[in-house]
Structure formats: C-alpha cells, structure tokens
Amino acid sequence: MPEFNKKVVVTTDMSHLKDKDFLQNGKSKTKALIDKSTYVPDLHPAAADTMTLLNSAEGKRITRDQKLAEAQALTVSFNNDRRAINDIMGSYASQIQDVLSDDIPKILELKFGVKNLVPAPIPEISVTNSIPVITSADTVLPLHHTVHFGNSMSDKVVVPEDASCIELYETFDAASAGDLRKMSHLGKAKHGKFVNHFDLADEGRIVYYAATYIAKKAGVETGVSVVFKAKVI
C-alpha cells in the first residue's frame, strides 16, 4: 500500500485580496468543495453554509459600493448648490449695500452683517495661549470621517503663527482617550481638516480623537485638545 504523501500542505490565505476578489475566490473554492464532496464528504454541509454566507456578503458589498457612489454624487450636487447659493447671496449683499449703506441699524436688523465698523481687538493667537479644537467629524462617505479643526481663541480655522501644524490622534479605547502616548498617530493637518479612512470591520465602533499643535521653534507638542468622539458608519 503506497504511503500517503505527508509533504502536501493544503492552505488558503485570501487576506490580501480586495473585497470583490476575496468573494469571487471564496466562491470558487467553496463551489469546488461542494462539487467534489465525495473527496471530503464531511466538509459538504459546512461548505454549503459558507456559500450562503458568501452570497450574503456579496450583497452587502454591492449595497456598500452603491451607497458610496450615491454619497459621492450627493457631495458633488451639494457643492454645486452651495456655489449657486453663495452667488445669489452675493447679489443680495450688493443690493443691500446700494440701498442701505448709510443705515447701519437696518442692515444689522437684516442680519446680513456689516463691514468696516470699528473692529474688536484681536487677541494674539499662539501655541502658548490656545489649543486646537476638533469641531466635527463629517460622515458623508461610508467608513470615512472628515475631521474639522478650529482654534480655542477663534471661531475660524486659525493655526497659530508659531505652530507648524496640527497633529491628530485616534483610539477606540475610551480609557486612553486624551493620552497621546496611548493613542495612534493619524497624521498632520495645516488647512483645517483631515480625512480618516476605516476598515469595514470598524463599522459601528466609537472612535476618540485628540489633536495638538506642534511649535515651530521647539518642534514639540503643545496643549492637547478636548477629546472628540464619533461613530464609524
């Protein structure tokens, strides 16, 4: 009787494949088990269950990709509307300026704003007297957060002149939130926002963000922002 070849190793690793290729490869392997069930009969019931799971996962992938495409199209449409609205509002401002330029109280009552009044003194914004503020984490695109920043001394996106950038950190562990040494470093931002990408396995989890300025001269971290939390959807 011939000796069984113990040197043969049967294995599969599909972790490196993209979602679509992963599902197609999984279906191919599983169908082979079902079609050739006489070779390893005990695997047939489990293989049938796996095929059901693969079909379900394929439906979820298609739905996810469709929603992603819809979200991207809505983003384009929203930006077009935003530009059109801004142009219209600009024409309103011109008309108000022409008619009411000498009647500041009426312009104030219209709530359209007034320029060239005596401005309030602007405090010096530096890394020693301000910290970054995480204002929002937009979830327009699935499995994405667009994290927006502000400054604790201004309602605008202002990076102090003596700061080189904002650095953003994240963690899924509420206990370590706010301790940068225990959080994961995401990257740097200079223009008020940072796009964070997630894996499908992160859907539904709560992520905690914190940010800090980096001082230009010293190159060190300054004060840490208040922790901001958001859900991955």
Protein backbone atom coordinates (compact mmCIF):
# COMPACT_ATOMS: atom_id res chain seq x y z
CA MET A 1 0.00 0.00 0.00
CA PRO A 2 1.56 3.37 -1.04
CA GLU A 3 2.48 5.74 1.73
CA PHE A 4 0.35 8.94 1.87
CA ASN A 5 2.35 11.98 0.86
CA LYS A 6 2.53 13.96 4.13
CA LYS A 7 4.56 16.69 2.44
CA VAL A 8 1.48 18.09 0.71
CA VAL A 9 0.13 21.14 2.57
CA VAL A 10 -3.36 22.46 1.76
CA THR A 11 -3.83 26.08 2.77
CA THR A 12 -5.59 29.26 1.71
CA ASP A 13 -4.91 32.88 2.62
CA MET A 14 -7.14 35.49 0.99
CA SER A 15 -6.49 38.32 3.44
CA HIS A 16 -4.51 40.31 0.86
CA LEU A 17 -7.33 40.33 -1.71
CA LYS A 18 -9.70 43.21 -2.39
CA ASP A 19 -13.33 42.66 -1.36
CA LYS A 20 -14.60 41.67 -4.82
CA ASP A 21 -11.69 39.31 -5.49
CA PHE A 22 -11.98 37.91 -1.97
CA LEU A 23 -15.62 36.94 -2.53
CA GLN A 24 -15.03 35.53 -6.02
CA ASN A 25 -12.07 33.49 -4.81
CA GLY A 26 -14.06 32.27 -1.80
CA LYS A 27 -16.98 31.21 -4.01
CA SER A 28 -14.62 29.35 -6.36
CA LYS A 29 -13.00 27.41 -3.52
CA THR A 30 -16.31 26.69 -1.79
CA LYS A 31 -18.02 25.51 -5.01
CA ALA A 32 -15.11 23.12 -5.57
CA LEU A 33 -15.75 21.61 -2.12
CA ILE A 34 -19.45 21.22 -2.88
CA ASP A 35 -18.92 19.76 -6.35
CA LYS A 36 -16.24 17.33 -5.17
CA SER A 37 -17.87 16.42 -1.86
CA THR A 38 -17.07 12.75 -2.43
CA TYR A 39 -13.40 13.56 -1.77
CA VAL A 40 -14.00 15.01 1.69
CA PRO A 41 -17.67 14.30 2.46
CA ASP A 42 -17.62 15.79 5.97
CA LEU A 43 -16.91 19.25 4.52
CA HIS A 44 -20.02 19.36 2.33
CA PRO A 45 -22.53 20.77 4.90
CA ALA A 46 -20.07 23.40 6.11
CA ALA A 47 -19.22 24.35 2.54
CA ALA A 48 -22.91 24.87 1.74
CA ASP A 49 -23.22 27.17 4.77
CA THR A 50 -20.13 29.07 3.65
CA MET A 51 -21.63 29.59 0.19
CA THR A 52 -24.76 31.08 1.79
CA LEU A 53 -22.58 33.41 3.84
CA LEU A 54 -20.56 34.38 0.77
CA ASN A 55 -23.72 35.25 -1.18
CA SER A 56 -24.93 37.36 1.73
CA ALA A 57 -21.58 39.15 1.97
CA GLU A 58 -21.62 39.79 -1.79
CA GLY A 59 -24.99 41.52 -1.44
CA LYS A 60 -23.63 43.69 1.36
CA ARG A 61 -20.57 44.63 -0.70
CA ILE A 62 -22.73 45.67 -3.65
CA THR A 63 -25.00 47.73 -1.37
CA ARG A 64 -21.98 49.39 0.28
CA ASP A 65 -20.44 50.31 -3.08
CA GLN A 66 -23.76 51.66 -4.34
CA LYS A 67 -24.15 53.83 -1.24
CA LEU A 68 -20.58 55.07 -1.61
CA ALA A 69 -21.26 56.08 -5.22
CA GLU A 70 -24.53 57.76 -4.19
CA ALA A 71 -22.76 59.65 -1.40
CA GLN A 72 -20.07 60.87 -3.79
CA ALA A 73 -22.73 62.04 -6.27
CA LEU A 74 -24.60 63.85 -3.47
CA THR A 75 -21.37 65.56 -2.41
CA VAL A 76 -20.88 66.91 -5.95
CA SER A 77 -24.52 68.04 -6.11
CA PHE A 78 -24.31 69.70 -2.69
CA ASN A 79 -21.16 71.60 -3.66
CA ASN A 80 -22.86 72.85 -6.84
CA ASP A 81 -25.85 74.05 -4.79
CA ARG A 82 -23.50 75.69 -2.30
CA ARG A 83 -21.75 77.68 -5.04
CA ALA A 84 -25.08 78.74 -6.58
CA ILE A 85 -26.47 79.86 -3.21
CA ASN A 86 -23.29 81.80 -2.44
CA ASP A 87 -23.57 83.66 -5.77
CA ILE A 88 -27.21 84.56 -5.11
CA MET A 89 -26.45 85.74 -1.57
CA GLY A 90 -23.67 87.88 -3.01
CA SER A 91 -26.17 89.65 -5.27
CA TYR A 92 -28.41 90.29 -2.25
CA ALA A 93 -25.49 91.84 -0.38
CA SER A 94 -24.77 94.17 -3.31
CA GLN A 95 -28.37 95.41 -3.39
CA ILE A 96 -28.44 95.98 0.38
CA GLN A 97 -25.14 97.87 0.15
CA ASP A 98 -26.56 100.16 -2.55
CA VAL A 99 -29.83 100.91 -0.77
CA LEU A 100 -28.91 100.90 2.93
CA SER A 101 -25.21 101.74 3.01
CA ASP A 102 -25.83 104.72 5.34
CA ASP A 103 -28.32 102.97 7.63
CA ILE A 104 -26.25 100.57 9.72
CA PRO A 105 -29.09 99.74 12.20
CA LYS A 106 -31.32 98.49 9.37
CA ILE A 107 -28.52 96.37 7.92
CA LEU A 108 -27.94 94.91 11.37
CA GLU A 109 -31.66 94.19 11.65
CA LEU A 110 -31.50 92.34 8.32
CA LYS A 111 -28.75 90.16 9.85
CA PHE A 112 -26.63 90.41 6.72
CA GLY A 113 -23.55 91.68 8.53
CA VAL A 114 -21.69 94.95 8.42
CA LYS A 115 -18.13 95.50 7.25
CA ASN A 116 -15.73 98.33 8.08
CA LEU A 117 -17.10 99.03 11.57
CA VAL A 118 -14.57 99.56 14.34
CA PRO A 119 -13.29 96.03 14.90
CA ALA A 120 -12.90 94.44 18.28
CA PRO A 121 -9.31 93.92 19.35
CA ILE A 122 -7.98 90.59 18.12
CA PRO A 123 -6.02 88.66 20.73
CA GLU A 124 -2.69 87.21 19.71
CA ILE A 125 -3.14 83.55 18.88
CA SER A 126 -0.16 81.43 19.77
CA VAL A 127 0.62 77.90 20.89
CA THR A 128 1.07 79.16 24.43
CA ASN A 129 -2.42 80.60 24.84
CA SER A 130 -4.59 78.42 22.57
CA ILE A 131 -5.24 74.81 21.70
CA PRO A 132 -6.74 73.14 18.63
CA VAL A 133 -10.45 72.36 18.75
CA ILE A 134 -11.99 69.42 16.89
CA THR A 135 -15.31 70.83 15.72
CA SER A 136 -16.83 67.92 13.77
CA ALA A 137 -16.28 64.58 12.08
CA ASP A 138 -18.41 64.50 8.93
CA THR A 139 -19.67 61.09 7.79
CA VAL A 140 -20.90 61.88 4.27
CA LEU A 141 -18.94 58.94 2.86
CA PRO A 142 -19.33 55.49 4.48
CA LEU A 143 -16.32 54.37 6.53
CA HIS A 144 -14.81 57.87 6.33
CA HIS A 145 -14.52 60.76 8.79
CA THR A 146 -13.63 64.24 7.60
CA VAL A 147 -12.32 65.71 10.84
CA HIS A 148 -12.53 69.52 11.04
CA PHE A 149 -10.44 71.74 13.31
CA GLY A 150 -10.75 75.17 14.84
CA ASN A 151 -8.88 77.22 17.42
CA SER A 152 -9.86 77.76 21.04
CA MET A 153 -9.44 81.54 20.66
CA SER A 154 -11.21 81.90 17.32
CA ASP A 155 -14.36 80.53 15.69
CA LYS A 156 -12.36 80.22 12.47
CA VAL A 157 -9.73 77.75 11.35
CA VAL A 158 -6.65 79.52 12.66
CA VAL A 159 -3.31 77.77 13.13
CA PRO A 160 -1.09 79.97 15.31
CA GLU A 161 1.84 81.60 13.52
CA ASP A 162 4.27 79.91 15.88
CA ALA A 163 2.81 76.43 15.13
CA SER A 164 3.98 74.34 12.19
CA CYS A 165 0.88 72.13 12.01
CA ILE A 166 -1.85 70.24 13.84
CA GLU A 167 -1.27 66.58 14.63
CA LEU A 168 -4.26 64.25 15.01
CA TYR A 169 -4.52 61.12 17.14
CA GLU A 170 -7.21 58.43 17.48
CA THR A 171 -8.12 55.50 19.69
CA PHE A 172 -11.05 53.11 20.06
CA ASP A 173 -10.29 52.78 23.77
CA ALA A 174 -12.18 55.34 25.86
CA ALA A 175 -9.79 54.85 28.79
CA SER A 176 -6.75 56.02 26.79
CA ALA A 177 -8.52 58.93 25.03
CA GLY A 178 -6.63 62.17 25.61
CA ASP A 179 -3.31 60.50 26.44
CA LEU A 180 -1.36 60.93 23.19
CA ARG A 181 1.20 58.32 24.26
CA LYS A 182 -1.54 55.68 24.24
CA MET A 183 -3.30 56.87 21.09
CA SER A 184 -2.48 56.13 17.43
CA HIS A 185 -0.95 58.98 15.41
CA LEU A 186 -3.03 59.63 12.28
CA GLY A 187 -1.10 62.42 10.59
CA LYS A 188 -0.62 66.16 10.20
CA ALA A 189 -3.02 68.86 9.02
CA LYS A 190 -2.50 72.51 8.10
CA HIS A 191 -5.73 73.51 6.42
CA GLY A 192 -8.43 72.75 8.95
CA LYS A 193 -9.39 69.18 8.09
CA PHE A 194 -8.13 65.61 7.90
CA VAL A 195 -9.77 62.62 6.15
CA ASN A 196 -9.65 59.39 8.15
CA HIS A 197 -10.40 56.05 6.46
CA PHE A 198 -11.71 52.94 8.27
CA ASP A 199 -11.94 49.22 7.52
CA LEU A 200 -15.30 47.51 7.16
CA ALA A 201 -14.65 45.76 10.49
CA ASP A 202 -14.69 49.18 12.24
CA GLU A 203 -18.31 49.94 11.25
CA GLY A 204 -20.39 50.82 14.29
CA ARG A 205 -17.40 51.47 16.60
CA ILE A 206 -16.81 54.70 18.52
CA VAL A 207 -13.53 56.46 17.76
CA TYR A 208 -12.00 59.09 20.04
CA TYR A 209 -9.93 61.91 18.55
CA ALA A 210 -7.44 64.32 20.10
CA ALA A 211 -5.23 66.96 18.49
CA THR A 212 -2.24 69.11 19.37
CA TYR A 213 -0.20 71.90 17.81
CA ILE A 214 3.49 71.46 17.05
CA ALA A 215 5.54 74.52 17.97
CA LYS A 216 7.73 75.75 15.09
CA LYS A 217 10.86 76.61 17.03
CA ALA A 218 10.89 73.87 19.64
CA GLY A 219 9.26 71.21 17.44
CA VAL A 220 7.35 69.86 20.44
CA GLU A 221 3.70 69.16 21.15
CA THR A 222 1.73 71.86 22.95
CA GLY A 223 -1.63 71.69 24.69
CA VAL A 224 -3.96 68.80 23.81
CA SER A 225 -7.48 69.42 22.54
CA VAL A 226 -10.64 68.28 24.26
CA VAL A 227 -11.40 64.69 23.22
CA PHE A 228 -13.95 64.41 20.41
CA LYS A 229 -15.81 61.16 19.79
CA ALA A 230 -17.67 59.98 16.69
CA LYS A 231 -19.26 56.80 15.40
CA VAL A 232 -17.98 54.97 12.34
CA ILE A 233 -20.88 54.44 9.93
